[in-house]
């Protein structure tokens, strides 16, 4: 996928997210309906930070971030940032929300090698199901 297509996908995701917020829908309500009380966020970039900002005002507990540069970041917003191979060592969560919308499948394949029991959710899927 080229850069222009990626930018368009990100724009559409953010547009839908804002439409949901304007309609009174939130990730915390969606996660609660799905039975998710604790989450980890894959992606410590802009979308991951925005998701964290929305969830930190709710009953949903964000336990940690996962990022391909996790070994270099160590901490963000007071939470640990870990590399994908460290997920198995972290506290159990109900779901790992993948915020890299164009890499969901490849991230799930990598995760399967380290922590195949972890449940994953694409942020794109969540935004469109809310």
N, C-alpha and C. Protein backbone atom coordinates (compact mmCIF):
# COMPACT_ATOMS: atom_id res chain seq x y z
N UNK A 1 0.85 -1.17 0.00
CA UNK A 1 0.00 0.00 0.00
C UNK A 1 0.90 1.24 0.00
N UNK A 2 0.61 2.18 -0.88
CA UNK A 2 1.44 3.38 -0.95
C UNK A 2 1.07 4.38 0.15
N UNK A 3 1.89 5.39 0.31
CA UNK A 3 1.73 6.35 1.38
C UNK A 3 0.40 7.10 1.28
N UNK A 4 0.00 7.45 0.08
CA UNK A 4 -1.28 8.16 -0.10
C UNK A 4 -2.46 7.30 0.35
N UNK A 5 -2.42 6.03 0.04
CA UNK A 5 -3.49 5.12 0.46
C UNK A 5 -3.51 4.96 1.97
N UNK A 6 -2.33 4.88 2.58
CA UNK A 6 -2.25 4.78 4.04
C UNK A 6 -2.84 6.03 4.71
N UNK A 7 -2.50 7.17 4.16
CA UNK A 7 -3.02 8.42 4.72
C UNK A 7 -4.54 8.48 4.59
N UNK A 8 -5.05 8.02 3.47
CA UNK A 8 -6.51 8.01 3.26
C UNK A 8 -7.18 7.07 4.26
N UNK A 9 -6.60 5.89 4.47
CA UNK A 9 -7.14 4.94 5.45
C UNK A 9 -7.15 5.54 6.85
N UNK A 10 -6.06 6.21 7.22
CA UNK A 10 -6.00 6.85 8.54
C UNK A 10 -7.04 7.95 8.65
N UNK A 11 -7.21 8.73 7.59
CA UNK A 11 -8.21 9.79 7.59
C UNK A 11 -9.61 9.20 7.78
N UNK A 12 -9.93 8.16 7.05
CA UNK A 12 -11.26 7.54 7.16
C UNK A 12 -11.49 6.97 8.56
N UNK A 13 -10.45 6.37 9.14
CA UNK A 13 -10.57 5.86 10.50
C UNK A 13 -10.87 7.00 11.47
N UNK A 14 -10.10 8.07 11.38
CA UNK A 14 -10.29 9.19 12.30
C UNK A 14 -11.65 9.86 12.07
N UNK A 15 -12.09 9.94 10.84
CA UNK A 15 -13.40 10.52 10.53
C UNK A 15 -14.50 9.70 11.21
N UNK A 16 -14.44 8.39 11.09
CA UNK A 16 -15.44 7.52 11.70
C UNK A 16 -15.37 7.62 13.23
N UNK A 17 -14.16 7.70 13.77
CA UNK A 17 -13.98 7.84 15.21
C UNK A 17 -14.68 9.10 15.70
N UNK A 18 -14.49 10.19 14.99
CA UNK A 18 -15.14 11.46 15.37
C UNK A 18 -16.66 11.38 15.21
N UNK A 19 -17.12 10.74 14.16
CA UNK A 19 -18.57 10.55 13.98
C UNK A 19 -19.14 9.77 15.16
N UNK A 20 -18.43 8.74 15.59
CA UNK A 20 -18.87 7.96 16.75
C UNK A 20 -18.92 8.82 18.01
N UNK A 21 -17.86 9.60 18.24
CA UNK A 21 -17.83 10.47 19.42
C UNK A 21 -18.99 11.47 19.38
N UNK A 22 -19.24 12.05 18.21
CA UNK A 22 -20.33 13.01 18.07
C UNK A 22 -21.69 12.37 18.30
N UNK A 23 -21.78 11.07 18.06
CA UNK A 23 -23.03 10.33 18.28
C UNK A 23 -23.10 9.78 19.71
N UNK A 24 -22.11 10.12 20.54
CA UNK A 24 -22.12 9.68 21.93
C UNK A 24 -21.58 8.29 22.15
N UNK A 25 -20.90 7.72 21.16
CA UNK A 25 -20.32 6.37 21.29
C UNK A 25 -18.87 6.48 21.73
N UNK A 26 -18.43 5.52 22.53
CA UNK A 26 -17.05 5.55 23.00
C UNK A 26 -16.44 4.16 22.96
N UNK A 27 -15.11 4.15 22.94
CA UNK A 27 -14.41 2.88 22.99
C UNK A 27 -14.66 2.19 24.32
N UNK A 28 -14.73 2.94 25.39
CA UNK A 28 -14.93 2.30 26.70
C UNK A 28 -16.25 1.55 26.74
N UNK A 29 -17.31 2.14 26.22
CA UNK A 29 -18.60 1.45 26.18
C UNK A 29 -18.54 0.22 25.29
N UNK A 30 -17.90 0.37 24.14
CA UNK A 30 -17.77 -0.75 23.21
C UNK A 30 -16.99 -1.89 23.87
N UNK A 31 -15.86 -1.57 24.49
CA UNK A 31 -15.06 -2.61 25.14
C UNK A 31 -15.83 -3.28 26.27
N UNK A 32 -16.56 -2.51 27.05
CA UNK A 32 -17.37 -3.09 28.12
C UNK A 32 -18.42 -4.04 27.56
N UNK A 33 -19.07 -3.66 26.46
CA UNK A 33 -20.06 -4.53 25.83
C UNK A 33 -19.44 -5.84 25.35
N UNK A 34 -18.18 -5.77 24.94
CA UNK A 34 -17.47 -6.97 24.48
C UNK A 34 -16.89 -7.78 25.65
N UNK A 35 -16.99 -7.25 26.86
CA UNK A 35 -16.45 -7.94 28.03
C UNK A 35 -14.97 -7.66 28.26
N UNK A 36 -14.42 -6.64 27.62
CA UNK A 36 -13.02 -6.27 27.79
C UNK A 36 -12.90 -5.24 28.90
N UNK A 37 -12.20 -5.59 29.95
CA UNK A 37 -11.99 -4.66 31.07
C UNK A 37 -10.55 -4.16 31.13
N UNK A 38 -9.64 -4.95 30.55
CA UNK A 38 -8.24 -4.54 30.52
C UNK A 38 -7.71 -4.74 29.11
N UNK A 39 -6.91 -3.77 28.66
CA UNK A 39 -6.39 -3.82 27.30
C UNK A 39 -4.91 -3.46 27.29
N UNK A 40 -4.27 -3.87 26.22
CA UNK A 40 -2.95 -3.38 25.85
C UNK A 40 -3.13 -2.73 24.49
N UNK A 41 -2.29 -1.79 24.18
CA UNK A 41 -2.39 -1.08 22.91
C UNK A 41 -1.13 -1.34 22.10
N UNK A 42 -1.31 -1.89 20.90
CA UNK A 42 -0.18 -2.07 19.99
C UNK A 42 -0.08 -0.82 19.14
N UNK A 43 1.04 -0.13 19.27
CA UNK A 43 1.29 1.09 18.53
C UNK A 43 1.33 2.28 19.47
N UNK A 44 2.51 2.79 19.70
CA UNK A 44 2.68 3.94 20.60
C UNK A 44 2.75 5.24 19.82
N UNK A 45 2.21 5.23 18.61
CA UNK A 45 2.17 6.43 17.78
C UNK A 45 0.91 7.24 18.05
N UNK A 46 0.56 8.08 17.11
CA UNK A 46 -0.56 9.01 17.29
C UNK A 46 -1.88 8.32 17.61
N UNK A 47 -2.24 7.30 16.86
CA UNK A 47 -3.53 6.64 17.07
C UNK A 47 -3.54 5.91 18.41
N UNK A 48 -2.45 5.24 18.76
CA UNK A 48 -2.36 4.57 20.05
C UNK A 48 -2.47 5.55 21.21
N UNK A 49 -1.83 6.71 21.08
CA UNK A 49 -1.91 7.72 22.13
C UNK A 49 -3.33 8.27 22.26
N UNK A 50 -3.99 8.49 21.13
CA UNK A 50 -5.37 8.99 21.17
C UNK A 50 -6.30 7.98 21.83
N UNK A 51 -6.11 6.70 21.51
CA UNK A 51 -6.93 5.67 22.14
C UNK A 51 -6.68 5.66 23.65
N UNK A 52 -5.42 5.75 24.05
CA UNK A 52 -5.10 5.79 25.47
C UNK A 52 -5.77 6.99 26.14
N UNK A 53 -5.68 8.16 25.50
CA UNK A 53 -6.29 9.37 26.07
C UNK A 53 -7.78 9.19 26.30
N UNK A 54 -8.45 8.52 25.36
CA UNK A 54 -9.89 8.29 25.53
C UNK A 54 -10.16 7.30 26.66
N UNK A 55 -9.35 6.26 26.75
CA UNK A 55 -9.60 5.22 27.73
C UNK A 55 -9.17 5.59 29.15
N UNK A 56 -8.22 6.49 29.30
CA UNK A 56 -7.73 6.79 30.66
C UNK A 56 -8.79 7.48 31.51
N UNK A 57 -9.84 8.00 30.91
CA UNK A 57 -10.93 8.63 31.64
C UNK A 57 -12.09 7.66 31.88
N UNK A 58 -11.83 6.37 31.69
CA UNK A 58 -12.90 5.37 31.78
C UNK A 58 -12.55 4.27 32.78
N UNK A 59 -13.40 3.26 32.85
CA UNK A 59 -13.17 2.11 33.71
C UNK A 59 -12.29 1.06 33.04
N UNK A 60 -11.97 1.24 31.78
CA UNK A 60 -11.10 0.29 31.07
C UNK A 60 -9.66 0.56 31.47
N UNK A 61 -8.96 -0.49 31.88
CA UNK A 61 -7.57 -0.35 32.30
C UNK A 61 -6.64 -0.65 31.13
N UNK A 62 -5.82 0.32 30.78
CA UNK A 62 -4.75 0.09 29.81
C UNK A 62 -3.53 -0.34 30.62
N UNK A 63 -3.05 -1.54 30.34
CA UNK A 63 -1.96 -2.12 31.14
C UNK A 63 -0.58 -1.78 30.57
N UNK A 64 -0.46 -1.75 29.24
CA UNK A 64 0.84 -1.47 28.63
C UNK A 64 0.66 -1.20 27.14
N UNK A 65 1.73 -0.68 26.54
CA UNK A 65 1.81 -0.49 25.09
C UNK A 65 2.78 -1.53 24.53
N UNK A 66 2.52 -1.92 23.29
CA UNK A 66 3.45 -2.76 22.55
C UNK A 66 3.84 -1.96 21.32
N UNK A 67 5.13 -1.94 21.01
CA UNK A 67 5.59 -1.17 19.86
C UNK A 67 6.84 -1.82 19.31
N UNK A 68 7.02 -1.72 18.02
CA UNK A 68 8.22 -2.33 17.42
C UNK A 68 9.49 -1.68 17.95
N UNK A 69 9.39 -0.46 18.47
CA UNK A 69 10.52 0.22 19.09
C UNK A 69 10.42 0.18 20.61
N UNK A 70 9.70 -0.78 21.14
CA UNK A 70 9.44 -0.87 22.57
C UNK A 70 10.68 -0.93 23.43
N UNK A 71 11.70 -1.58 22.95
CA UNK A 71 12.92 -1.69 23.76
C UNK A 71 13.62 -0.34 23.89
N UNK A 72 13.36 0.58 22.97
CA UNK A 72 13.99 1.89 23.04
C UNK A 72 13.16 2.93 23.76
N UNK A 73 11.86 2.72 23.88
CA UNK A 73 10.98 3.71 24.48
C UNK A 73 10.84 3.48 25.98
N UNK A 74 10.62 2.26 26.39
CA UNK A 74 10.50 1.82 27.80
C UNK A 74 9.21 2.23 28.51
N UNK A 75 8.81 3.51 28.39
CA UNK A 75 7.63 3.97 29.12
C UNK A 75 6.96 5.13 28.37
N UNK A 76 5.63 5.14 28.45
CA UNK A 76 4.87 6.23 27.86
C UNK A 76 3.61 6.41 28.70
N UNK A 77 3.31 7.63 29.05
CA UNK A 77 2.13 7.94 29.86
C UNK A 77 2.12 7.15 31.17
N UNK A 78 3.31 6.84 31.67
CA UNK A 78 3.43 6.10 32.92
C UNK A 78 3.25 4.60 32.78
N UNK A 79 3.08 4.12 31.56
CA UNK A 79 2.89 2.68 31.32
C UNK A 79 4.11 2.09 30.61
N UNK A 80 4.37 0.81 30.83
CA UNK A 80 5.47 0.18 30.12
C UNK A 80 5.20 0.11 28.62
N UNK A 81 6.25 0.24 27.85
CA UNK A 81 6.21 0.01 26.41
C UNK A 81 7.15 -1.15 26.14
N UNK A 82 6.61 -2.22 25.56
CA UNK A 82 7.41 -3.42 25.35
C UNK A 82 7.44 -3.79 23.87
N UNK A 83 8.45 -4.56 23.52
CA UNK A 83 8.55 -5.10 22.17
C UNK A 83 7.62 -6.31 22.06
N UNK A 84 7.30 -6.67 20.85
CA UNK A 84 6.32 -7.75 20.62
C UNK A 84 6.76 -9.07 21.27
N UNK A 85 8.06 -9.35 21.29
CA UNK A 85 8.52 -10.61 21.87
C UNK A 85 8.41 -10.62 23.40
N UNK A 86 8.11 -9.48 24.02
CA UNK A 86 7.98 -9.41 25.48
C UNK A 86 6.53 -9.54 25.96
N UNK A 87 5.59 -9.61 25.05
CA UNK A 87 4.17 -9.66 25.41
C UNK A 87 3.87 -10.83 26.34
N UNK A 88 4.45 -11.96 26.08
CA UNK A 88 4.20 -13.16 26.90
C UNK A 88 4.58 -12.94 28.36
N UNK A 89 5.52 -12.04 28.61
CA UNK A 89 5.99 -11.78 29.98
C UNK A 89 5.13 -10.76 30.72
N UNK A 90 4.22 -10.11 30.02
CA UNK A 90 3.43 -9.03 30.61
C UNK A 90 2.17 -9.56 31.28
N UNK A 91 1.56 -8.69 32.09
CA UNK A 91 0.31 -9.01 32.75
C UNK A 91 -0.76 -9.34 31.71
N UNK A 92 -1.58 -10.31 32.01
CA UNK A 92 -2.63 -10.73 31.08
C UNK A 92 -3.65 -9.61 30.89
N UNK A 93 -4.11 -9.45 29.64
CA UNK A 93 -5.15 -8.48 29.31
C UNK A 93 -6.27 -9.20 28.57
N UNK A 94 -7.43 -8.56 28.53
CA UNK A 94 -8.56 -9.15 27.81
C UNK A 94 -8.38 -9.07 26.30
N UNK A 95 -7.72 -7.99 25.84
CA UNK A 95 -7.53 -7.82 24.40
C UNK A 95 -6.36 -6.88 24.14
N UNK A 96 -5.68 -7.15 23.05
CA UNK A 96 -4.62 -6.26 22.55
C UNK A 96 -5.20 -5.54 21.34
N UNK A 97 -5.33 -4.22 21.44
CA UNK A 97 -5.91 -3.42 20.36
C UNK A 97 -4.77 -2.96 19.45
N UNK A 98 -4.83 -3.37 18.20
CA UNK A 98 -3.80 -3.03 17.23
C UNK A 98 -4.21 -1.74 16.51
N UNK A 99 -3.41 -0.69 16.70
CA UNK A 99 -3.76 0.61 16.13
C UNK A 99 -3.10 0.88 14.79
N UNK A 100 -2.26 -0.01 14.33
CA UNK A 100 -1.67 0.12 12.99
C UNK A 100 -2.63 -0.54 12.02
N UNK A 101 -3.46 0.25 11.39
CA UNK A 101 -4.58 -0.30 10.65
C UNK A 101 -4.17 -1.05 9.39
N UNK A 102 -3.01 -0.76 8.85
CA UNK A 102 -2.59 -1.43 7.62
C UNK A 102 -1.65 -2.60 7.87
N UNK A 103 -1.44 -2.94 9.12
CA UNK A 103 -0.50 -4.01 9.44
C UNK A 103 -1.11 -5.05 10.38
N UNK A 104 -2.42 -5.05 10.53
CA UNK A 104 -3.07 -5.93 11.50
C UNK A 104 -2.70 -7.41 11.27
N UNK A 105 -2.83 -7.88 10.05
CA UNK A 105 -2.57 -9.29 9.77
C UNK A 105 -1.12 -9.68 10.08
N UNK A 106 -0.18 -8.85 9.67
CA UNK A 106 1.23 -9.18 9.90
C UNK A 106 1.56 -9.13 11.39
N UNK A 107 0.96 -8.22 12.12
CA UNK A 107 1.19 -8.13 13.57
C UNK A 107 0.63 -9.37 14.26
N UNK A 108 -0.55 -9.79 13.84
CA UNK A 108 -1.14 -11.01 14.43
C UNK A 108 -0.27 -12.23 14.16
N UNK A 109 0.30 -12.32 12.98
CA UNK A 109 1.20 -13.44 12.66
C UNK A 109 2.43 -13.41 13.56
N UNK A 110 3.00 -12.23 13.75
CA UNK A 110 4.17 -12.12 14.64
C UNK A 110 3.79 -12.49 16.08
N UNK A 111 2.65 -11.99 16.53
CA UNK A 111 2.20 -12.28 17.90
C UNK A 111 2.01 -13.77 18.12
N UNK A 112 1.52 -14.47 17.10
CA UNK A 112 1.27 -15.90 17.22
C UNK A 112 2.55 -16.64 17.58
N UNK A 113 3.69 -16.11 17.17
CA UNK A 113 4.96 -16.74 17.50
C UNK A 113 5.40 -16.50 18.94
N UNK A 114 4.85 -15.49 19.59
CA UNK A 114 5.27 -15.13 20.94
C UNK A 114 4.20 -15.35 21.99
N UNK A 115 2.95 -15.10 21.61
CA UNK A 115 1.86 -15.21 22.60
C UNK A 115 0.57 -15.53 21.86
N UNK A 116 0.47 -16.75 21.36
CA UNK A 116 -0.68 -17.08 20.52
C UNK A 116 -2.01 -17.07 21.25
N UNK A 117 -1.98 -17.09 22.59
CA UNK A 117 -3.23 -17.09 23.35
C UNK A 117 -3.83 -15.70 23.51
N UNK A 118 -3.11 -14.65 23.15
CA UNK A 118 -3.62 -13.30 23.34
C UNK A 118 -4.67 -12.96 22.28
N UNK A 119 -5.76 -12.39 22.72
CA UNK A 119 -6.85 -11.97 21.83
C UNK A 119 -6.47 -10.61 21.25
N UNK A 120 -6.71 -10.43 19.97
CA UNK A 120 -6.41 -9.16 19.31
C UNK A 120 -7.66 -8.56 18.70
N UNK A 121 -7.61 -7.25 18.51
CA UNK A 121 -8.71 -6.51 17.89
C UNK A 121 -8.11 -5.37 17.09
N UNK A 122 -8.52 -5.26 15.85
CA UNK A 122 -8.09 -4.14 15.03
C UNK A 122 -8.89 -2.90 15.42
N UNK A 123 -8.22 -1.78 15.56
CA UNK A 123 -8.94 -0.55 15.89
C UNK A 123 -9.94 -0.20 14.79
N UNK A 124 -9.61 -0.54 13.56
CA UNK A 124 -10.55 -0.30 12.45
C UNK A 124 -11.84 -1.07 12.68
N UNK A 125 -11.73 -2.34 13.05
CA UNK A 125 -12.91 -3.15 13.33
C UNK A 125 -13.73 -2.54 14.45
N UNK A 126 -13.06 -2.14 15.51
CA UNK A 126 -13.76 -1.55 16.65
C UNK A 126 -14.49 -0.26 16.26
N UNK A 127 -13.82 0.60 15.51
CA UNK A 127 -14.43 1.88 15.12
C UNK A 127 -15.68 1.66 14.29
N UNK A 128 -15.66 0.66 13.42
CA UNK A 128 -16.82 0.43 12.56
C UNK A 128 -17.90 -0.42 13.22
N UNK A 129 -17.60 -1.07 14.34
CA UNK A 129 -18.62 -1.86 15.05
C UNK A 129 -19.28 -1.10 16.18
N UNK A 130 -18.70 0.01 16.60
CA UNK A 130 -19.24 0.77 17.73
C UNK A 130 -20.66 1.23 17.48
